[in-house]
Amino acid sequence: MSELMLKSLPKVKIKYPVKSLIKALRILEELGEDGTLGVTELGHRLGIRLSTVHRLLGTLKGRGYVLCDPATSKYMLGGMIARLGDEISRQSPLLKHGTDAVEELSRECNETVNLGILDGTDVVYSARHESRHTLRAGARLGARWPAHVTALGKVCLADFTDDEVLRLYRGAKKLRKLTPNSITSVRSLLAELAVVRREGIARDNEENSLSVYCIAVPVRGPSGRVLAALSISAPKARMGPERVNALKSILIKAGANLSAKLGASAVMATPPS
């Protein structure tokens, strides 16, 4: 079953948005982010009148999108959300096979494994499976992070030409800095992407979060283009050179296997060694 959350869906600019629908979606997103919340909490967090929040929750509850805990009067996501998540997984070969691949790889390496999809200049974490270690790393499912500070995002961006990357970041004088190690210029990003293309693997060395190291490989489709990226994340303290090399080998194999299931040829599916 895919654990895809609402936040993993692309955010598209709408010319004439329906305000009440936007408010209802924000409620769902907030519940997806923090679990159970009451009417007052939701109203304060979202800046929406309590009477409006109450009406919207009533409508969402009637359609099965939220549930209300009678003991606390707090709301949580309902069964309809899970049903839609299952349907997305069923309809999308990438999410169906990707979720299985993420779980299998995580069990094999006992580290947190993520599947990410590029959305503009962000990467969306669309499937994940956590390490069994007490100390572990990894973004929340459905999280969005700037692509240039993640191994997942770099892998996806490396599928573009330099001209396409420049168009994507047109007008960006500086890239968002999340840690002292973050890439902050498009010029530096292009240099990094050249390395990713040559090696077939991307690295995030404490660029998104301090003390976290991540490696990622591409997931390709029948045309050979990158559909997504598969990564292993762990606390940097566990990611010495020998450990990284061992994880790199099984990650490349997992990425190639997932690509093959999505129709990529053996030559396209396997990154250069």
Protein backbone atom coordinates (compact mmCIF):
# COMPACT_ATOMS: atom_id res chain seq x y z
CA MET A 1 0.00 0.00 0.00
CA SER A 2 1.36 3.44 -0.90
CA GLU A 3 1.54 6.00 1.91
CA LEU A 4 1.35 8.86 -0.58
CA MET A 5 0.03 11.98 1.12
CA LEU A 6 -1.81 14.94 -0.27
CA LYS A 7 1.28 17.14 -0.09
CA SER A 8 3.04 14.94 -2.64
CA LEU A 9 0.62 16.04 -5.32
CA PRO A 10 1.94 18.80 -7.62
CA LYS A 11 0.98 22.33 -6.61
CA VAL A 12 -0.36 24.04 -9.73
CA LYS A 13 -1.20 27.73 -9.96
CA ILE A 14 -4.90 28.17 -10.69
CA LYS A 15 -6.15 31.32 -12.37
CA TYR A 16 -9.55 31.30 -10.67
CA PRO A 17 -9.25 29.31 -7.41
CA VAL A 18 -12.36 28.30 -5.47
CA LYS A 19 -11.65 29.79 -2.04
CA SER A 20 -13.80 27.39 -0.04
CA LEU A 21 -12.15 24.41 -1.75
CA ILE A 22 -8.70 25.81 -1.03
CA LYS A 23 -9.63 26.15 2.65
CA ALA A 24 -10.88 22.55 2.77
CA LEU A 25 -7.67 21.30 1.15
CA ARG A 26 -5.57 23.27 3.63
CA ILE A 27 -7.45 21.55 6.44
CA LEU A 28 -6.65 18.15 4.94
CA GLU A 29 -3.01 19.11 4.50
CA GLU A 30 -2.76 20.29 8.11
CA LEU A 31 -4.30 17.07 9.40
CA GLY A 32 -1.95 15.09 7.18
CA GLU A 33 1.00 16.95 8.63
CA ASP A 34 0.16 16.86 12.36
CA GLY A 35 -2.43 14.13 12.88
CA THR A 36 -5.40 14.93 15.15
CA LEU A 37 -6.44 18.56 15.61
CA GLY A 38 -9.47 20.34 16.99
CA VAL A 39 -11.59 23.04 15.36
CA THR A 40 -9.95 25.84 17.35
CA GLU A 41 -6.42 24.60 16.58
CA LEU A 42 -7.16 24.39 12.87
CA GLY A 43 -8.77 27.80 12.80
CA HIS A 44 -5.83 29.48 14.53
CA ARG A 45 -3.21 27.70 12.45
CA LEU A 46 -4.87 28.44 9.13
CA GLY A 47 -6.34 31.84 9.93
CA ILE A 48 -9.87 30.68 9.11
CA ARG A 49 -13.00 31.60 11.09
CA LEU A 50 -14.03 28.82 13.46
CA SER A 51 -17.57 28.72 12.05
CA THR A 52 -16.11 28.16 8.57
CA VAL A 53 -13.74 25.45 9.83
CA HIS A 54 -16.66 23.71 11.54
CA ARG A 55 -18.78 23.74 8.35
CA LEU A 56 -15.92 22.50 6.18
CA LEU A 57 -15.10 19.71 8.63
CA GLY A 58 -18.75 18.68 8.66
CA THR A 59 -18.75 18.41 4.88
CA LEU A 60 -15.46 16.51 4.79
CA LYS A 61 -16.67 14.16 7.50
CA GLY A 62 -19.87 13.47 5.56
CA ARG A 63 -17.81 12.40 2.55
CA GLY A 64 -15.43 10.27 4.62
CA TYR A 65 -12.37 12.49 4.22
CA VAL A 66 -12.06 13.17 7.95
CA LEU A 67 -13.09 11.41 11.16
CA CYS A 68 -13.90 12.91 14.54
CA ASP A 69 -12.74 11.23 17.73
CA PRO A 70 -15.79 11.44 20.04
CA ALA A 71 -13.59 11.24 23.14
CA THR A 72 -11.54 14.33 22.26
CA SER A 73 -13.66 16.09 19.59
CA LYS A 74 -10.50 16.23 17.47
CA TYR A 75 -10.36 15.42 13.78
CA MET A 76 -8.10 13.14 11.76
CA LEU A 77 -7.86 11.99 8.15
CA GLY A 78 -10.58 9.52 7.21
CA GLY A 79 -10.81 6.33 5.23
CA MET A 80 -11.50 8.07 1.92
CA ILE A 81 -7.95 9.48 1.96
CA ALA A 82 -6.51 5.97 2.38
CA ARG A 83 -8.80 4.70 -0.37
CA LEU A 84 -7.61 7.39 -2.77
CA GLY A 85 -4.00 6.64 -1.83
CA ASP A 86 -4.55 2.98 -2.66
CA GLU A 87 -6.15 3.94 -5.97
CA ILE A 88 -3.23 6.20 -6.89
CA SER A 89 -0.85 3.36 -6.10
CA ARG A 90 -2.93 0.93 -8.18
CA GLN A 91 -3.09 3.26 -11.16
CA SER A 92 0.56 4.34 -11.03
CA PRO A 93 3.14 1.65 -11.81
CA LEU A 94 5.85 3.94 -10.41
CA LEU A 95 4.21 4.17 -6.99
CA LYS A 96 3.10 0.54 -6.97
CA HIS A 97 6.51 -0.90 -7.79
CA GLY A 98 8.33 1.97 -6.10
CA THR A 99 6.71 1.39 -2.73
CA ASP A 100 7.66 -2.30 -2.88
CA ALA A 101 11.22 -1.41 -3.90
CA VAL A 102 11.57 1.11 -1.07
CA GLU A 103 10.43 -1.38 1.55
CA GLU A 104 12.60 -4.20 0.19
CA LEU A 105 15.73 -2.04 0.00
CA SER A 106 15.20 -0.63 3.49
CA ARG A 107 14.90 -4.11 4.95
CA GLU A 108 18.08 -5.14 3.14
CA CYS A 109 20.26 -2.22 4.25
CA ASN A 110 18.44 -1.27 7.48
CA GLU A 111 18.54 2.41 6.59
CA THR A 112 15.81 4.88 5.60
CA VAL A 113 14.94 4.63 1.90
CA ASN A 114 13.02 7.24 -0.10
CA LEU A 115 11.45 7.53 -3.53
CA GLY A 116 11.33 11.10 -4.82
CA ILE A 117 9.66 12.81 -7.78
CA LEU A 118 10.68 16.18 -9.20
CA ASP A 119 8.02 18.91 -9.20
CA GLY A 120 9.46 22.11 -10.63
CA THR A 121 12.53 22.92 -8.54
CA ASP A 122 11.33 20.82 -5.60
CA VAL A 123 11.56 17.13 -4.94
CA VAL A 124 8.54 15.41 -3.37
CA TYR A 125 9.06 12.39 -1.12
CA SER A 126 6.42 10.03 -2.47
CA ALA A 127 7.30 6.76 -0.74
CA ARG A 128 9.57 5.94 2.17
CA HIS A 129 10.47 3.22 4.62
CA GLU A 130 12.31 3.97 7.86
CA SER A 131 15.38 2.29 9.27
CA ARG A 132 14.95 0.09 12.33
CA HIS A 133 17.78 2.00 14.04
CA THR A 134 16.80 4.28 16.91
CA LEU A 135 18.94 6.98 15.28
CA ARG A 136 17.72 7.37 11.72
CA ALA A 137 17.36 9.95 8.99
CA GLY A 138 14.86 10.91 6.33
CA ALA A 139 12.20 13.44 5.43
CA ARG A 140 8.55 12.88 6.21
CA LEU A 141 6.45 11.23 3.55
CA GLY A 142 4.96 13.90 1.30
CA ALA A 143 7.60 16.47 2.27
CA ARG A 144 8.84 18.92 -0.35
CA TRP A 145 12.45 20.12 -0.36
CA PRO A 146 14.49 22.19 -2.79
CA ALA A 147 15.91 19.77 -5.33
CA HIS A 148 19.39 21.29 -5.27
CA VAL A 149 20.01 20.32 -1.63
CA THR A 150 18.90 16.68 -1.93
CA ALA A 151 20.47 13.67 -3.59
CA LEU A 152 17.04 12.74 -4.94
CA GLY A 153 16.61 16.14 -6.55
CA LYS A 154 20.09 16.22 -8.04
CA VAL A 155 19.51 12.86 -9.73
CA CYS A 156 16.31 14.15 -11.31
CA LEU A 157 17.87 17.47 -12.37
CA ALA A 158 20.85 15.66 -13.90
CA ASP A 159 18.49 14.21 -16.52
CA PHE A 160 18.08 17.73 -17.94
CA THR A 161 20.55 19.52 -20.17
CA ASP A 162 22.36 22.53 -18.75
CA ASP A 163 20.13 24.80 -20.86
CA GLU A 164 17.01 23.16 -19.42
CA VAL A 165 18.33 23.59 -15.88
CA LEU A 166 19.08 27.26 -16.57
CA ARG A 167 15.54 27.78 -17.82
CA LEU A 168 14.15 26.00 -14.77
CA TYR A 169 16.06 28.33 -12.45
CA ARG A 170 15.65 31.41 -14.62
CA GLY A 171 15.93 34.56 -12.54
CA ALA A 172 17.31 32.78 -9.47
CA LYS A 173 20.30 34.82 -8.27
CA LYS A 174 20.84 32.63 -5.22
CA LEU A 175 19.55 29.21 -4.34
CA ARG A 176 18.01 28.53 -0.95
CA LYS A 177 20.59 27.73 1.73
CA LEU A 178 19.47 25.17 4.33
CA THR A 179 22.88 24.35 5.85
CA PRO A 180 26.44 25.68 5.49
CA ASN A 181 27.03 22.90 2.94
CA SER A 182 24.11 23.79 0.65
CA ILE A 183 24.76 24.73 -2.98
CA THR A 184 23.75 28.37 -3.36
CA SER A 185 24.35 29.20 -7.04
CA VAL A 186 23.07 27.76 -10.30
CA ARG A 187 26.66 27.69 -11.58
CA SER A 188 27.72 25.42 -8.71
CA LEU A 189 24.62 23.30 -9.25
CA LEU A 190 25.52 22.75 -12.91
CA ALA A 191 29.00 21.61 -11.89
CA GLU A 192 27.48 19.19 -9.38
CA LEU A 193 25.05 17.83 -11.95
CA ALA A 194 27.92 17.13 -14.34
CA VAL A 195 29.45 14.88 -11.67
CA VAL A 196 26.10 13.13 -11.13
CA ARG A 197 25.76 12.43 -14.86
CA ARG A 198 29.29 11.04 -15.02
CA GLU A 199 29.00 8.83 -11.93
CA GLY A 200 25.31 7.92 -12.17
CA ILE A 201 24.80 8.63 -8.47
CA ALA A 202 24.16 11.78 -6.42
CA ARG A 203 25.18 12.68 -2.88
CA ASP A 204 23.78 14.96 -0.21
CA ASN A 205 26.55 15.59 2.30
CA GLU A 206 24.73 17.48 5.06
CA GLU A 207 23.29 19.88 2.46
CA ASN A 208 19.65 19.47 3.43
CA SER A 209 20.05 18.57 7.10
CA LEU A 210 23.10 18.64 9.31
CA SER A 211 24.44 15.21 10.34
CA VAL A 212 22.58 13.48 7.49
CA TYR A 213 24.26 11.84 4.47
CA CYS A 214 22.30 10.58 1.49
CA ILE A 215 23.01 8.84 -1.82
CA ALA A 216 20.55 8.47 -4.70
CA VAL A 217 20.25 6.85 -8.13
CA PRO A 218 17.81 7.41 -11.00
CA VAL A 219 14.67 5.42 -11.74
CA ARG A 220 14.07 5.37 -15.49
CA GLY A 221 11.11 4.56 -17.72
CA PRO A 222 10.81 2.99 -21.19
CA SER A 223 12.21 6.07 -22.95
CA GLY A 224 15.26 6.13 -20.72
CA ARG A 225 14.27 9.43 -19.10
CA VAL A 226 14.35 9.73 -15.32
CA LEU A 227 10.91 9.27 -13.75
CA ALA A 228 12.02 9.46 -10.12
CA ALA A 229 14.97 8.83 -7.82
CA LEU A 230 15.68 6.24 -5.15
CA SER A 231 17.81 7.12 -2.13
CA ILE A 232 19.32 5.80 1.09
CA SER A 233 19.62 8.28 3.98
CA ALA A 234 21.43 7.78 7.25
CA PRO A 235 23.14 9.73 10.03
CA LYS A 236 26.57 10.74 8.74
CA ALA A 237 28.18 8.99 11.70
CA ARG A 238 27.20 5.65 10.09
CA MET A 239 28.25 6.65 6.57
CA GLY A 240 31.99 6.04 6.44
CA PRO A 241 33.64 5.30 3.05
CA GLU A 242 33.30 1.51 3.32
CA ARG A 243 29.66 1.71 4.37
CA VAL A 244 28.85 4.17 1.58
CA ASN A 245 30.48 1.92 -1.03
CA ALA A 246 28.52 -1.09 0.22
CA LEU A 247 25.24 0.84 0.17
CA LYS A 248 26.05 2.29 -3.26
CA SER A 249 26.24 -1.20 -4.75
CA ILE A 250 22.88 -2.37 -3.46
CA LEU A 251 21.25 0.99 -4.26
CA ILE A 252 22.40 0.86 -7.89
CA LYS A 253 21.06 -2.68 -8.16
CA ALA A 254 17.71 -1.67 -6.61
CA GLY A 255 17.40 1.33 -8.94
CA ALA A 256 18.15 -0.82 -11.97
CA ASN A 257 15.60 -3.45 -10.89
CA LEU A 258 12.89 -0.85 -10.36
CA SER A 259 13.70 0.79 -13.71
CA ALA A 260 13.43 -2.59 -15.43
CA LYS A 261 9.98 -3.16 -13.89
CA LEU A 262 8.94 0.21 -15.35
CA GLY A 263 10.06 -0.79 -18.84
CA ALA A 264 13.60 0.56 -19.05
CA SER A 265 16.09 -1.58 -20.94
CA ALA A 266 19.00 -3.16 -19.05
CA VAL A 267 21.44 -0.65 -20.60
CA MET A 268 19.32 2.37 -19.65
CA ALA A 269 18.45 1.04 -16.19
CA THR A 270 22.03 0.62 -14.91
CA PRO A 271 24.07 3.74 -14.08
CA PRO A 272 27.75 3.86 -15.09
CA SER A 273 30.11 2.12 -12.69
